[in-house]
Amino acid sequence: MSLDWRRFTIAVDANDRLVGCGQIKTHQDGSLELASIAVLPDWRKQGVARAIILHLLESQPRPLYLTCRGRLGPFYEKFGFQDATDSADLPPYFRRITRVAKLFQRLGVFHERMLVMRLDS
């Protein structure tokens, strides 16, 4: 969904091999999403995701949103994101995603709660 390579920030190792990536997506409703954060397993817990996220956050206007599995909430809280899943003022895109995720959870398709998180400053 909206995987435009021009929006991606990538992290590479000393041999210029891709080890991680991330992007900021703009939705039709104008909301911005920190998305597609991925790090190769051998490079996890070494600060790669943190470096990508900090780089992406540097010049982005607020508010900024993200979606993640519930267990990742504490990781994103370190960057100032707060759980906004049940907020009444979510942008339309995130309201739709939240409704679908809750339906899938009730149907047993998702076994973990999905969060919508928001960064205001």
C-alpha atoms as a PDB file:
ATOM      1  CA  MET A   1       0.000   0.000   0.000  1.00  0.00           C
ATOM      2  CA  SER A   2       1.584   3.246  -1.190  1.00  0.00           C
ATOM      3  CA  LEU A   3       5.062   1.792  -1.521  1.00  0.00           C
ATOM      4  CA  ASP A   4       6.745   4.584  -3.442  1.00  0.00           C
ATOM      5  CA  TRP A   5      10.517   4.102  -3.247  1.00  0.00           C
ATOM      6  CA  ARG A   6      11.121   7.856  -3.411  1.00  0.00           C
ATOM      7  CA  ARG A   7       9.648   8.289   0.075  1.00  0.00           C
ATOM      8  CA  PHE A   8      11.835   5.658   1.716  1.00  0.00           C
ATOM      9  CA  THR A   9      14.808   6.201   3.944  1.00  0.00           C
ATOM     10  CA  ILE A  10      17.153   3.248   3.940  1.00  0.00           C
ATOM     11  CA  ALA A  11      19.907   2.089   6.261  1.00  0.00           C
ATOM     12  CA  VAL A  12      22.876   0.247   4.785  1.00  0.00           C
ATOM     13  CA  ASP A  13      25.830  -1.585   6.290  1.00  0.00           C
ATOM     14  CA  ALA A  14      29.524  -0.864   5.598  1.00  0.00           C
ATOM     15  CA  ASN A  15      29.222  -2.785   2.302  1.00  0.00           C
ATOM     16  CA  ASP A  16      26.167  -0.776   1.142  1.00  0.00           C
ATOM     17  CA  ARG A  17      23.795  -3.689   1.744  1.00  0.00           C
ATOM     18  CA  LEU A  18      20.282  -2.748   2.810  1.00  0.00           C
ATOM     19  CA  VAL A  19      19.655  -3.506   6.501  1.00  0.00           C
ATOM     20  CA  GLY A  20      16.534  -1.439   7.198  1.00  0.00           C
ATOM     21  CA  CYS A  21      14.017   1.054   5.837  1.00  0.00           C
ATOM     22  CA  GLY A  22      11.077   3.298   6.644  1.00  0.00           C
ATOM     23  CA  GLN A  23       8.884   5.980   5.097  1.00  0.00           C
ATOM     24  CA  ILE A  24       6.434   8.782   5.751  1.00  0.00           C
ATOM     25  CA  LYS A  25       3.194   8.270   3.823  1.00  0.00           C
ATOM     26  CA  THR A  26       0.637  10.968   3.065  1.00  0.00           C
ATOM     27  CA  HIS A  27      -2.955   9.740   2.991  1.00  0.00           C
ATOM     28  CA  GLN A  28      -5.786  11.204   0.899  1.00  0.00           C
ATOM     29  CA  ASP A  29      -7.207  12.859   4.013  1.00  0.00           C
ATOM     30  CA  GLY A  30      -3.908  14.726   4.443  1.00  0.00           C
ATOM     31  CA  SER A  31      -2.751  12.753   7.473  1.00  0.00           C
ATOM     32  CA  LEU A  32       0.868  11.641   7.674  1.00  0.00           C
ATOM     33  CA  GLU A  33       1.972   8.168   8.733  1.00  0.00           C
ATOM     34  CA  LEU A  34       5.313   6.835   9.887  1.00  0.00           C
ATOM     35  CA  ALA A  35       5.240   3.504   8.076  1.00  0.00           C
ATOM     36  CA  SER A  36       7.094   0.522   6.670  1.00  0.00           C
ATOM     37  CA  ILE A  37       9.713   0.420   9.421  1.00  0.00           C
ATOM     38  CA  ALA A  38      11.605  -2.801   8.799  1.00  0.00           C
ATOM     39  CA  VAL A  39      15.016  -4.068   9.882  1.00  0.00           C
ATOM     40  CA  LEU A  40      16.658  -7.343   8.878  1.00  0.00           C
ATOM     41  CA  PRO A  41      16.695  -9.845  11.771  1.00  0.00           C
ATOM     42  CA  ASP A  42      20.498  -9.871  12.116  1.00  0.00           C
ATOM     43  CA  TRP A  43      20.477  -6.068  12.545  1.00  0.00           C
ATOM     44  CA  ARG A  44      17.718  -5.777  15.133  1.00  0.00           C
ATOM     45  CA  LYS A  45      18.461  -4.396  18.606  1.00  0.00           C
ATOM     46  CA  GLN A  46      21.409  -2.426  17.210  1.00  0.00           C
ATOM     47  CA  GLY A  47      19.732   0.981  16.842  1.00  0.00           C
ATOM     48  CA  VAL A  48      18.908   0.733  13.132  1.00  0.00           C
ATOM     49  CA  ALA A  49      15.162   1.298  13.524  1.00  0.00           C
ATOM     50  CA  ARG A  50      15.827   4.114  15.983  1.00  0.00           C
ATOM     51  CA  ALA A  51      18.167   5.867  13.530  1.00  0.00           C
ATOM     52  CA  ILE A  52      15.655   5.520  10.678  1.00  0.00           C
ATOM     53  CA  ILE A  53      12.781   6.823  12.820  1.00  0.00           C
ATOM     54  CA  LEU A  54      14.759   9.777  14.167  1.00  0.00           C
ATOM     55  CA  HIS A  55      15.811  10.707  10.648  1.00  0.00           C
ATOM     56  CA  LEU A  56      12.222  10.509   9.378  1.00  0.00           C
ATOM     57  CA  LEU A  57      10.873  12.550  12.297  1.00  0.00           C
ATOM     58  CA  GLU A  58      13.387  15.387  11.843  1.00  0.00           C
ATOM     59  CA  SER A  59      11.488  17.436   9.306  1.00  0.00           C
ATOM     60  CA  GLN A  60       7.920  16.162   9.423  1.00  0.00           C
ATOM     61  CA  PRO A  61       5.001  18.345  10.484  1.00  0.00           C
ATOM     62  CA  ARG A  62       2.763  17.208  13.296  1.00  0.00           C
ATOM     63  CA  PRO A  63       0.558  15.448  14.045  1.00  0.00           C
ATOM     64  CA  LEU A  64       2.133  12.253  12.757  1.00  0.00           C
ATOM     65  CA  TYR A  65       0.488   8.839  13.096  1.00  0.00           C
ATOM     66  CA  LEU A  66       1.517   5.212  12.928  1.00  0.00           C
ATOM     67  CA  THR A  67      -0.142   1.829  13.231  1.00  0.00           C
ATOM     68  CA  CYS A  68       1.515  -1.077  15.000  1.00  0.00           C
ATOM     69  CA  ARG A  69       0.909  -4.248  16.941  1.00  0.00           C
ATOM     70  CA  GLY A  70       0.056  -3.615  20.575  1.00  0.00           C
ATOM     71  CA  ARG A  71       3.317  -5.045  21.895  1.00  0.00           C
ATOM     72  CA  LEU A  72       5.272  -2.413  19.926  1.00  0.00           C
ATOM     73  CA  GLY A  73       3.519   0.509  21.617  1.00  0.00           C
ATOM     74  CA  PRO A  74       6.220   0.969  24.294  1.00  0.00           C
ATOM     75  CA  PHE A  75       8.919   1.152  21.600  1.00  0.00           C
ATOM     76  CA  TYR A  76       7.167   4.019  19.808  1.00  0.00           C
ATOM     77  CA  GLU A  77       6.375   5.778  23.095  1.00  0.00           C
ATOM     78  CA  LYS A  78      10.153   6.351  23.399  1.00  0.00           C
ATOM     79  CA  PHE A  79       9.810   8.740  20.439  1.00  0.00           C
ATOM     80  CA  GLY A  80       6.863  10.583  21.991  1.00  0.00           C
ATOM     81  CA  PHE A  81       4.014   8.697  20.278  1.00  0.00           C
ATOM     82  CA  GLN A  82       0.885   8.108  22.381  1.00  0.00           C
ATOM     83  CA  ASP A  83      -1.890   5.558  21.911  1.00  0.00           C
ATOM     84  CA  ALA A  84      -4.719   7.281  20.033  1.00  0.00           C
ATOM     85  CA  THR A  85      -6.598   4.139  18.991  1.00  0.00           C
ATOM     86  CA  ASP A  86      -9.820   5.128  20.724  1.00  0.00           C
ATOM     87  CA  SER A  87      -9.510   8.858  20.100  1.00  0.00           C
ATOM     88  CA  ALA A  88     -12.618  10.514  18.667  1.00  0.00           C
ATOM     89  CA  ASP A  89     -10.573  12.855  16.475  1.00  0.00           C
ATOM     90  CA  LEU A  90      -8.607  10.353  14.367  1.00  0.00           C
ATOM     91  CA  PRO A  91      -8.312  11.268  10.685  1.00  0.00           C
ATOM     92  CA  PRO A  92     -10.673   9.300   8.404  1.00  0.00           C
ATOM     93  CA  TYR A  93      -7.977   6.884   7.165  1.00  0.00           C
ATOM     94  CA  PHE A  94      -7.063   5.810  10.694  1.00  0.00           C
ATOM     95  CA  ARG A  95     -10.715   5.550  11.803  1.00  0.00           C
ATOM     96  CA  ARG A  96     -11.313   3.099   8.947  1.00  0.00           C
ATOM     97  CA  ILE A  97      -8.193   1.069   9.729  1.00  0.00           C
ATOM     98  CA  THR A  98      -9.151   0.919  13.407  1.00  0.00           C
ATOM     99  CA  ARG A  99     -12.667  -0.340  12.643  1.00  0.00           C
ATOM    100  CA  VAL A 100     -11.334  -3.043  10.303  1.00  0.00           C
ATOM    101  CA  ALA A 101      -8.673  -4.143  12.800  1.00  0.00           C
ATOM    102  CA  LYS A 102     -11.232  -4.397  15.607  1.00  0.00           C
ATOM    103  CA  LEU A 103     -13.523  -6.472  13.374  1.00  0.00           C
ATOM    104  CA  PHE A 104     -10.666  -8.811  12.440  1.00  0.00           C
ATOM    105  CA  GLN A 105      -9.745  -9.152  16.104  1.00  0.00           C
ATOM    106  CA  ARG A 106     -13.338 -10.098  17.021  1.00  0.00           C
ATOM    107  CA  LEU A 107     -13.360 -12.642  14.187  1.00  0.00           C
ATOM    108  CA  GLY A 108     -10.130 -14.163  15.460  1.00  0.00           C
ATOM    109  CA  VAL A 109      -8.067 -13.133  12.420  1.00  0.00           C
ATOM    110  CA  PHE A 110      -5.868 -10.831  14.528  1.00  0.00           C
ATOM    111  CA  HIS A 111      -4.687 -12.219  17.834  1.00  0.00           C
ATOM    112  CA  GLU A 112      -3.052  -9.010  18.984  1.00  0.00           C
ATOM    113  CA  ARG A 113      -4.533  -5.547  19.380  1.00  0.00           C
ATOM    114  CA  MET A 114      -3.572  -3.023  16.731  1.00  0.00           C
ATOM    115  CA  LEU A 115      -2.686   0.466  17.918  1.00  0.00           C
ATOM    116  CA  VAL A 116      -2.959   3.815  16.205  1.00  0.00           C
ATOM    117  CA  MET A 117      -0.396   6.097  17.768  1.00  0.00           C
ATOM    118  CA  ARG A 118      -0.033   9.858  17.426  1.00  0.00           C
ATOM    119  CA  LEU A 119       2.899  12.245  17.813  1.00  0.00           C
ATOM    120  CA  ASP A 120       1.977  15.867  18.439  1.00  0.00           C
ATOM    121  CA  SER A 121       5.278  17.591  19.130  1.00  0.00           C
END
